[in-house]
PDB file of N, CA and C in Angstrom:
ATOM      1  N   MET A   1      11.224   3.904   2.311  1.00  0.00           N
ATOM      2  CA  MET A   1      10.427   4.906   1.646  1.00  0.00           C
ATOM      3  C   MET A   1       9.385   5.425   2.628  1.00  0.00           C
ATOM      4  N   ASN A   2       9.229   6.691   2.662  1.00  0.00           N
ATOM      5  CA  ASN A   2       8.258   7.343   3.517  1.00  0.00           C
ATOM      6  C   ASN A   2       6.861   7.179   2.910  1.00  0.00           C
ATOM      7  N   TRP A   3       5.859   6.883   3.754  1.00  0.00           N
ATOM      8  CA  TRP A   3       4.498   6.701   3.251  1.00  0.00           C
ATOM      9  C   TRP A   3       3.978   7.983   2.592  1.00  0.00           C
ATOM     10  N   CYS A   4       4.467   9.115   3.007  1.00  0.00           N
ATOM     11  CA  CYS A   4       4.061  10.396   2.419  1.00  0.00           C
ATOM     12  C   CYS A   4       4.301  10.395   0.905  1.00  0.00           C
ATOM     13  N   LEU A   5       5.375   9.788   0.468  1.00  0.00           N
ATOM     14  CA  LEU A   5       5.662   9.708  -0.966  1.00  0.00           C
ATOM     15  C   LEU A   5       4.624   8.845  -1.677  1.00  0.00           C
ATOM     16  N   THR A   6       4.161   7.819  -1.008  1.00  0.00           N
ATOM     17  CA  THR A   6       3.100   6.981  -1.568  1.00  0.00           C
ATOM     18  C   THR A   6       1.817   7.788  -1.669  1.00  0.00           C
ATOM     19  N   GLU A   7       1.514   8.529  -0.612  1.00  0.00           N
ATOM     20  CA  GLU A   7       0.305   9.369  -0.621  1.00  0.00           C
ATOM     21  C   GLU A   7       0.344  10.374  -1.766  1.00  0.00           C
ATOM     22  N   CYS A   8       1.486  10.990  -1.978  1.00  0.00           N
ATOM     23  CA  CYS A   8       1.620  12.014  -3.019  1.00  0.00           C
ATOM     24  C   CYS A   8       1.465  11.429  -4.423  1.00  0.00           C
ATOM     25  N   ASN A   9       1.729  10.144  -4.557  1.00  0.00           N
ATOM     26  CA  ASN A   9       1.646   9.473  -5.861  1.00  0.00           C
ATOM     27  C   ASN A   9       0.598   8.359  -5.816  1.00  0.00           C
ATOM     28  N   TRP A  10      -0.501   8.623  -5.129  1.00  0.00           N
ATOM     29  CA  TRP A  10      -1.505   7.602  -4.832  1.00  0.00           C
ATOM     30  C   TRP A  10      -2.059   6.931  -6.089  1.00  0.00           C
ATOM     31  N   GLU A  11      -2.378   7.682  -7.096  1.00  0.00           N
ATOM     32  CA  GLU A  11      -2.941   7.088  -8.317  1.00  0.00           C
ATOM     33  C   GLU A  11      -1.961   6.097  -8.944  1.00  0.00           C
ATOM     34  N   TYR A  12      -0.697   6.438  -8.917  1.00  0.00           N
ATOM     35  CA  TYR A  12       0.324   5.545  -9.462  1.00  0.00           C
ATOM     36  C   TYR A  12       0.402   4.268  -8.637  1.00  0.00           C
ATOM     37  N   PHE A  13       0.404   4.416  -7.324  1.00  0.00           N
ATOM     38  CA  PHE A  13       0.574   3.265  -6.448  1.00  0.00           C
ATOM     39  C   PHE A  13      -0.680   2.417  -6.307  1.00  0.00           C
ATOM     40  N   LYS A  14      -1.816   2.980  -6.650  1.00  0.00           N
ATOM     41  CA  LYS A  14      -3.071   2.225  -6.538  1.00  0.00           C
ATOM     42  C   LYS A  14      -2.975   0.899  -7.289  1.00  0.00           C
ATOM     43  N   SER A  15      -2.531   0.935  -8.524  1.00  0.00           N
ATOM     44  CA  SER A  15      -2.438  -0.303  -9.312  1.00  0.00           C
ATOM     45  C   SER A  15      -1.411  -1.267  -8.722  1.00  0.00           C
ATOM     46  N   LEU A  16      -0.313  -0.735  -8.197  1.00  0.00           N
ATOM     47  CA  LEU A  16       0.697  -1.607  -7.580  1.00  0.00           C
ATOM     48  C   LEU A  16       0.163  -2.265  -6.303  1.00  0.00           C
ATOM     49  N   ILE A  17      -0.563  -1.495  -5.517  1.00  0.00           N
ATOM     50  CA  ILE A  17      -1.133  -2.030  -4.279  1.00  0.00           C
ATOM     51  C   ILE A  17      -2.192  -3.078  -4.595  1.00  0.00           C
ATOM     52  N   LEU A  18      -3.067  -2.779  -5.550  1.00  0.00           N
ATOM     53  CA  LEU A  18      -4.109  -3.740  -5.912  1.00  0.00           C
ATOM     54  C   LEU A  18      -3.524  -4.997  -6.546  1.00  0.00           C
ATOM     55  N   SER A  19      -2.406  -4.848  -7.205  1.00  0.00           N
ATOM     56  CA  SER A  19      -1.730  -6.014  -7.775  1.00  0.00           C
ATOM     57  C   SER A  19      -1.105  -6.869  -6.668  1.00  0.00           C
ATOM     58  N   ARG A  20      -0.487  -6.212  -5.696  1.00  0.00           N
ATOM     59  CA  ARG A  20       0.172  -6.928  -4.599  1.00  0.00           C
ATOM     60  C   ARG A  20      -0.837  -7.614  -3.680  1.00  0.00           C
ATOM     61  N   TRP A  21      -1.898  -6.898  -3.324  1.00  0.00           N
ATOM     62  CA  TRP A  21      -2.936  -7.441  -2.447  1.00  0.00           C
ATOM     63  C   TRP A  21      -4.220  -7.551  -3.264  1.00  0.00           C
ATOM     64  N   ASP A  22      -4.240  -8.545  -4.145  1.00  0.00           N
ATOM     65  CA  ASP A  22      -5.298  -8.645  -5.150  1.00  0.00           C
ATOM     66  C   ASP A  22      -6.670  -9.058  -4.632  1.00  0.00           C
ATOM     67  N   LEU A  23      -6.792  -9.376  -3.369  1.00  0.00           N
ATOM     68  CA  LEU A  23      -8.111  -9.664  -2.803  1.00  0.00           C
ATOM     69  C   LEU A  23      -8.854  -8.386  -2.408  1.00  0.00           C
ATOM     70  N   LEU A  24      -8.151  -7.265  -2.406  1.00  0.00           N
ATOM     71  CA  LEU A  24      -8.787  -5.969  -2.145  1.00  0.00           C
ATOM     72  C   LEU A  24      -9.633  -5.576  -3.357  1.00  0.00           C
ATOM     73  N   SER A  25     -10.868  -5.218  -3.120  1.00  0.00           N
ATOM     74  CA  SER A  25     -11.703  -4.736  -4.230  1.00  0.00           C
ATOM     75  C   SER A  25     -11.431  -3.240  -4.432  1.00  0.00           C
ATOM     76  N   ASN A  26     -11.851  -2.737  -5.567  1.00  0.00           N
ATOM     77  CA  ASN A  26     -11.698  -1.299  -5.817  1.00  0.00           C
ATOM     78  C   ASN A  26     -12.473  -0.484  -4.796  1.00  0.00           C
ATOM     79  N   THR A  27     -13.635  -0.955  -4.411  1.00  0.00           N
ATOM     80  CA  THR A  27     -14.448  -0.255  -3.411  1.00  0.00           C
ATOM     81  C   THR A  27     -13.731  -0.224  -2.066  1.00  0.00           C
ATOM     82  N   GLU A  28     -13.185  -1.366  -1.651  1.00  0.00           N
ATOM     83  CA  GLU A  28     -12.437  -1.408  -0.386  1.00  0.00           C
ATOM     84  C   GLU A  28     -11.224  -0.495  -0.468  1.00  0.00           C
ATOM     85  N   PHE A  29     -10.582  -0.501  -1.613  1.00  0.00           N
ATOM     86  CA  PHE A  29      -9.408   0.344  -1.792  1.00  0.00           C
ATOM     87  C   PHE A  29      -9.786   1.819  -1.688  1.00  0.00           C
ATOM     88  N   ASP A  30     -10.894   2.195  -2.298  1.00  0.00           N
ATOM     89  CA  ASP A  30     -11.330   3.588  -2.238  1.00  0.00           C
ATOM     90  C   ASP A  30     -11.664   4.017  -0.816  1.00  0.00           C
ATOM     91  N   ASP A  31     -12.104   3.080   0.010  1.00  0.00           N
ATOM     92  CA  ASP A  31     -12.415   3.369   1.415  1.00  0.00           C
ATOM     93  C   ASP A  31     -11.161   3.686   2.235  1.00  0.00           C
ATOM     94  N   ILE A  32     -10.012   3.301   1.742  1.00  0.00           N
ATOM     95  CA  ILE A  32      -8.748   3.473   2.469  1.00  0.00           C
ATOM     96  C   ILE A  32      -8.375   4.951   2.611  1.00  0.00           C
ATOM     97  N   GLU A  33      -8.752   5.758   1.642  1.00  0.00           N
ATOM     98  CA  GLU A  33      -8.500   7.196   1.681  1.00  0.00           C
ATOM     99  C   GLU A  33      -7.023   7.555   1.858  1.00  0.00           C
ATOM    100  N   ILE A  34      -6.155   6.809   1.238  1.00  0.00           N
ATOM    101  CA  ILE A  34      -4.714   7.087   1.191  1.00  0.00           C
ATOM    102  C   ILE A  34      -4.005   6.864   2.535  1.00  0.00           C
ATOM    103  N   LYS A  35      -4.683   6.412   3.531  1.00  0.00           N
ATOM    104  CA  LYS A  35      -4.099   6.251   4.863  1.00  0.00           C
ATOM    105  C   LYS A  35      -3.474   4.873   5.033  1.00  0.00           C
ATOM    106  N   ARG A  36      -2.227   4.853   5.451  1.00  0.00           N
ATOM    107  CA  ARG A  36      -1.493   3.603   5.651  1.00  0.00           C
ATOM    108  C   ARG A  36      -2.190   2.709   6.680  1.00  0.00           C
ATOM    109  N   GLU A  37      -2.668   3.318   7.753  1.00  0.00           N
ATOM    110  CA  GLU A  37      -3.323   2.544   8.812  1.00  0.00           C
ATOM    111  C   GLU A  37      -4.586   1.864   8.297  1.00  0.00           C
ATOM    112  N   MET A  38      -5.321   2.569   7.447  1.00  0.00           N
ATOM    113  CA  MET A  38      -6.543   1.998   6.889  1.00  0.00           C
ATOM    114  C   MET A  38      -6.223   0.880   5.897  1.00  0.00           C
ATOM    115  N   LEU A  39      -5.157   1.067   5.122  1.00  0.00           N
ATOM    116  CA  LEU A  39      -4.714   0.006   4.214  1.00  0.00           C
ATOM    117  C   LEU A  39      -4.331  -1.223   5.023  1.00  0.00           C
ATOM    118  N   ALA A  40      -3.558  -1.026   6.063  1.00  0.00           N
ATOM    119  CA  ALA A  40      -3.134  -2.139   6.912  1.00  0.00           C
ATOM    120  C   ALA A  40      -4.339  -2.854   7.517  1.00  0.00           C
ATOM    121  N   HIS A  41      -5.312  -2.098   7.982  1.00  0.00           N
ATOM    122  CA  HIS A  41      -6.504  -2.686   8.589  1.00  0.00           C
ATOM    123  C   HIS A  41      -7.275  -3.533   7.571  1.00  0.00           C
ATOM    124  N   LYS A  42      -7.460  -3.008   6.368  1.00  0.00           N
ATOM    125  CA  LYS A  42      -8.180  -3.752   5.325  1.00  0.00           C
ATOM    126  C   LYS A  42      -7.437  -5.027   4.945  1.00  0.00           C
ATOM    127  N   ILE A  43      -6.128  -4.928   4.774  1.00  0.00           N
ATOM    128  CA  ILE A  43      -5.335  -6.115   4.421  1.00  0.00           C
ATOM    129  C   ILE A  43      -5.448  -7.155   5.524  1.00  0.00           C
ATOM    130  N   GLN A  44      -5.358  -6.704   6.766  1.00  0.00           N
ATOM    131  CA  GLN A  44      -5.449  -7.613   7.898  1.00  0.00           C
ATOM    132  C   GLN A  44      -6.824  -8.284   7.949  1.00  0.00           C
ATOM    133  N   GLN A  45      -7.874  -7.520   7.697  1.00  0.00           N
ATOM    134  CA  GLN A  45      -9.229  -8.066   7.672  1.00  0.00           C
ATOM    135  C   GLN A  45      -9.370  -9.137   6.598  1.00  0.00           C
ATOM    136  N   ILE A  46      -8.919  -8.829   5.401  1.00  0.00           N
ATOM    137  CA  ILE A  46      -9.132  -9.710   4.253  1.00  0.00           C
ATOM    138  C   ILE A  46      -8.219 -10.934   4.285  1.00  0.00           C
ATOM    139  N   TYR A  47      -6.950 -10.709   4.620  1.00  0.00           N
ATOM    140  CA  TYR A  47      -5.980 -11.802   4.566  1.00  0.00           C
ATOM    141  C   TYR A  47      -5.800 -12.525   5.902  1.00  0.00           C
ATOM    142  N   GLY A  48      -6.257 -11.910   6.988  1.00  0.00           N
ATOM    143  CA  GLY A  48      -6.165 -12.546   8.301  1.00  0.00           C
ATOM    144  C   GLY A  48      -4.740 -12.789   8.766  1.00  0.00           C
ATOM    145  N   ILE A  49      -3.852 -11.849   8.463  1.00  0.00           N
ATOM    146  CA  ILE A  49      -2.462 -12.024   8.885  1.00  0.00           C
ATOM    147  C   ILE A  49      -2.178 -11.202  10.143  1.00  0.00           C
ATOM    148  N   LYS A  50      -1.164 -11.624  10.858  1.00  0.00           N
ATOM    149  CA  LYS A  50      -0.813 -10.948  12.107  1.00  0.00           C
ATOM    150  C   LYS A  50      -0.150  -9.609  11.823  1.00  0.00           C
ATOM    151  N   ASN A  51      -0.240  -8.739  12.807  1.00  0.00           N
ATOM    152  CA  ASN A  51       0.268  -7.372  12.673  1.00  0.00           C
ATOM    153  C   ASN A  51       1.743  -7.314  12.294  1.00  0.00           C
ATOM    154  N   GLU A  52       2.565  -8.149  12.905  1.00  0.00           N
ATOM    155  CA  GLU A  52       4.012  -8.133  12.625  1.00  0.00           C
ATOM    156  C   GLU A  52       4.281  -8.489  11.164  1.00  0.00           C
ATOM    157  N   GLN A  53       3.597  -9.526  10.679  1.00  0.00           N
ATOM    158  CA  GLN A  53       3.776  -9.941   9.290  1.00  0.00           C
ATOM    159  C   GLN A  53       3.272  -8.860   8.340  1.00  0.00           C
ATOM    160  N   LEU A  54       2.156  -8.275   8.690  1.00  0.00           N
ATOM    161  CA  LEU A  54       1.575  -7.214   7.863  1.00  0.00           C
ATOM    162  C   LEU A  54       2.523  -6.029   7.740  1.00  0.00           C
ATOM    163  N   GLU A  55       3.075  -5.589   8.859  1.00  0.00           N
ATOM    164  CA  GLU A  55       4.018  -4.467   8.833  1.00  0.00           C
ATOM    165  C   GLU A  55       5.227  -4.798   7.973  1.00  0.00           C
ATOM    166  N   ALA A  56       5.711  -6.020   8.100  1.00  0.00           N
ATOM    167  CA  ALA A  56       6.857  -6.448   7.292  1.00  0.00           C
ATOM    168  C   ALA A  56       6.505  -6.426   5.806  1.00  0.00           C
ATOM    169  N   GLU A  57       5.306  -6.862   5.461  1.00  0.00           N
ATOM    170  CA  GLU A  57       4.883  -6.873   4.059  1.00  0.00           C
ATOM    171  C   GLU A  57       4.744  -5.458   3.492  1.00  0.00           C
ATOM    172  N   ILE A  58       4.173  -4.567   4.278  1.00  0.00           N
ATOM    173  CA  ILE A  58       4.017  -3.185   3.804  1.00  0.00           C
ATOM    174  C   ILE A  58       5.380  -2.523   3.658  1.00  0.00           C
ATOM    175  N   MET A  59       6.268  -2.753   4.607  1.00  0.00           N
ATOM    176  CA  MET A  59       7.616  -2.180   4.518  1.00  0.00           C
ATOM    177  C   MET A  59       8.362  -2.746   3.305  1.00  0.00           C
ATOM    178  N   TYR A  60       8.189  -4.040   3.041  1.00  0.00           N
ATOM    179  CA  TYR A  60       8.811  -4.658   1.876  1.00  0.00           C
ATOM    180  C   TYR A  60       8.253  -4.046   0.587  1.00  0.00           C
ATOM    181  N   PHE A  61       6.942  -3.842   0.536  1.00  0.00           N
ATOM    182  CA  PHE A  61       6.310  -3.209  -0.623  1.00  0.00           C
ATOM    183  C   PHE A  61       6.903  -1.823  -0.850  1.00  0.00           C
ATOM    184  N   GLN A  62       7.033  -1.053   0.225  1.00  0.00           N
ATOM    185  CA  GLN A  62       7.582   0.288   0.109  1.00  0.00           C
ATOM    186  C   GLN A  62       9.029   0.236  -0.382  1.00  0.00           C
ATOM    187  N   ALA A  63       9.816  -0.673   0.155  1.00  0.00           N
ATOM    188  CA  ALA A  63      11.218  -0.793  -0.253  1.00  0.00           C
ATOM    189  C   ALA A  63      11.326  -1.199  -1.724  1.00  0.00           C
ATOM    190  N   GLN A  64      10.459  -2.111  -2.149  1.00  0.00           N
ATOM    191  CA  GLN A  64      10.457  -2.560  -3.542  1.00  0.00           C
ATOM    192  C   GLN A  64      10.182  -1.420  -4.502  1.00  0.00           C
ATOM    193  N   ASN A  65       9.366  -0.489  -4.083  1.00  0.00           N
ATOM    194  CA  ASN A  65       8.912   0.567  -4.974  1.00  0.00           C
ATOM    195  C   ASN A  65       9.631   1.890  -4.762  1.00  0.00           C
ATOM    196  N   LYS A  66      10.699   1.858  -4.017  1.00  0.00           N
ATOM    197  CA  LYS A  66      11.485   3.055  -3.742  1.00  0.00           C
ATOM    198  C   LYS A  66      12.009   3.698  -5.024  1.00  0.00           C
ATOM    199  N   GLU A  67      12.468   2.897  -5.953  1.00  0.00           N
ATOM    200  CA  GLU A  67      13.006   3.416  -7.207  1.00  0.00           C
ATOM    201  C   GLU A  67      11.915   4.096  -8.041  1.00  0.00           C
ATOM    202  N   HIS A  68      10.697   3.547  -7.998  1.00  0.00           N
ATOM    203  CA  HIS A  68       9.587   4.170  -8.719  1.00  0.00           C
ATOM    204  C   HIS A  68       9.352   5.585  -8.185  1.00  0.00           C
ATOM    205  N   VAL A  69       9.403   5.739  -6.888  1.00  0.00           N
ATOM    206  CA  VAL A  69       9.170   7.040  -6.273  1.00  0.00           C
ATOM    207  C   VAL A  69      10.257   8.018  -6.684  1.00  0.00           C
ATOM    208  N   LYS A  70      11.514   7.563  -6.706  1.00  0.00           N
ATOM    209  CA  LYS A  70      12.611   8.434  -7.125  1.00  0.00           C
ATOM    210  C   LYS A  70      12.402   8.927  -8.542  1.00  0.00           C
ATOM    211  N   SER A  71      11.970   8.039  -9.422  1.00  0.00           N
ATOM    212  CA  SER A  71      11.779   8.451 -10.814  1.00  0.00           C
ATOM    213  C   SER A  71      10.583   9.387 -10.971  1.00  0.00           C
ATOM    214  N   LEU A  72       9.574   9.234 -10.129  1.00  0.00           N
ATOM    215  CA  LEU A  72       8.403  10.110 -10.189  1.00  0.00           C
ATOM    216  C   LEU A  72       8.711  11.515  -9.688  1.00  0.00           C
ATOM    217  N   SER A  73       9.635  11.600  -8.740  1.00  0.00           N
ATOM    218  CA  SER A  73       9.913  12.910  -8.119  1.00  0.00           C
ATOM    219  C   SER A  73      10.934  13.729  -8.910  1.00  0.00           C
ATOM    220  N   LYS A  74      11.435  13.203  -9.992  1.00  0.00           N
ATOM    221  CA  LYS A  74      12.407  13.959 -10.804  1.00  0.00           C
ATOM    222  C   LYS A  74      11.722  14.896 -11.751  1.00  0.00           C
TER     223      LYS A  74
END
């Protein structure tokens, strides 16, 4: 799934992202400004995980939610 689709449906994905990475506060989430790089940076800061693992987790999240995006774009 392209991150652009996540950006276009940000309000929908906000709850999914906060559910997946539940240590993110709403304030921290709002600071992300829809940018994948900023989300990755915040997750890395809070969870202390390595870049490779983080990228894998974000890609897995995107793949998991691919069907949601398809249904939203219809």
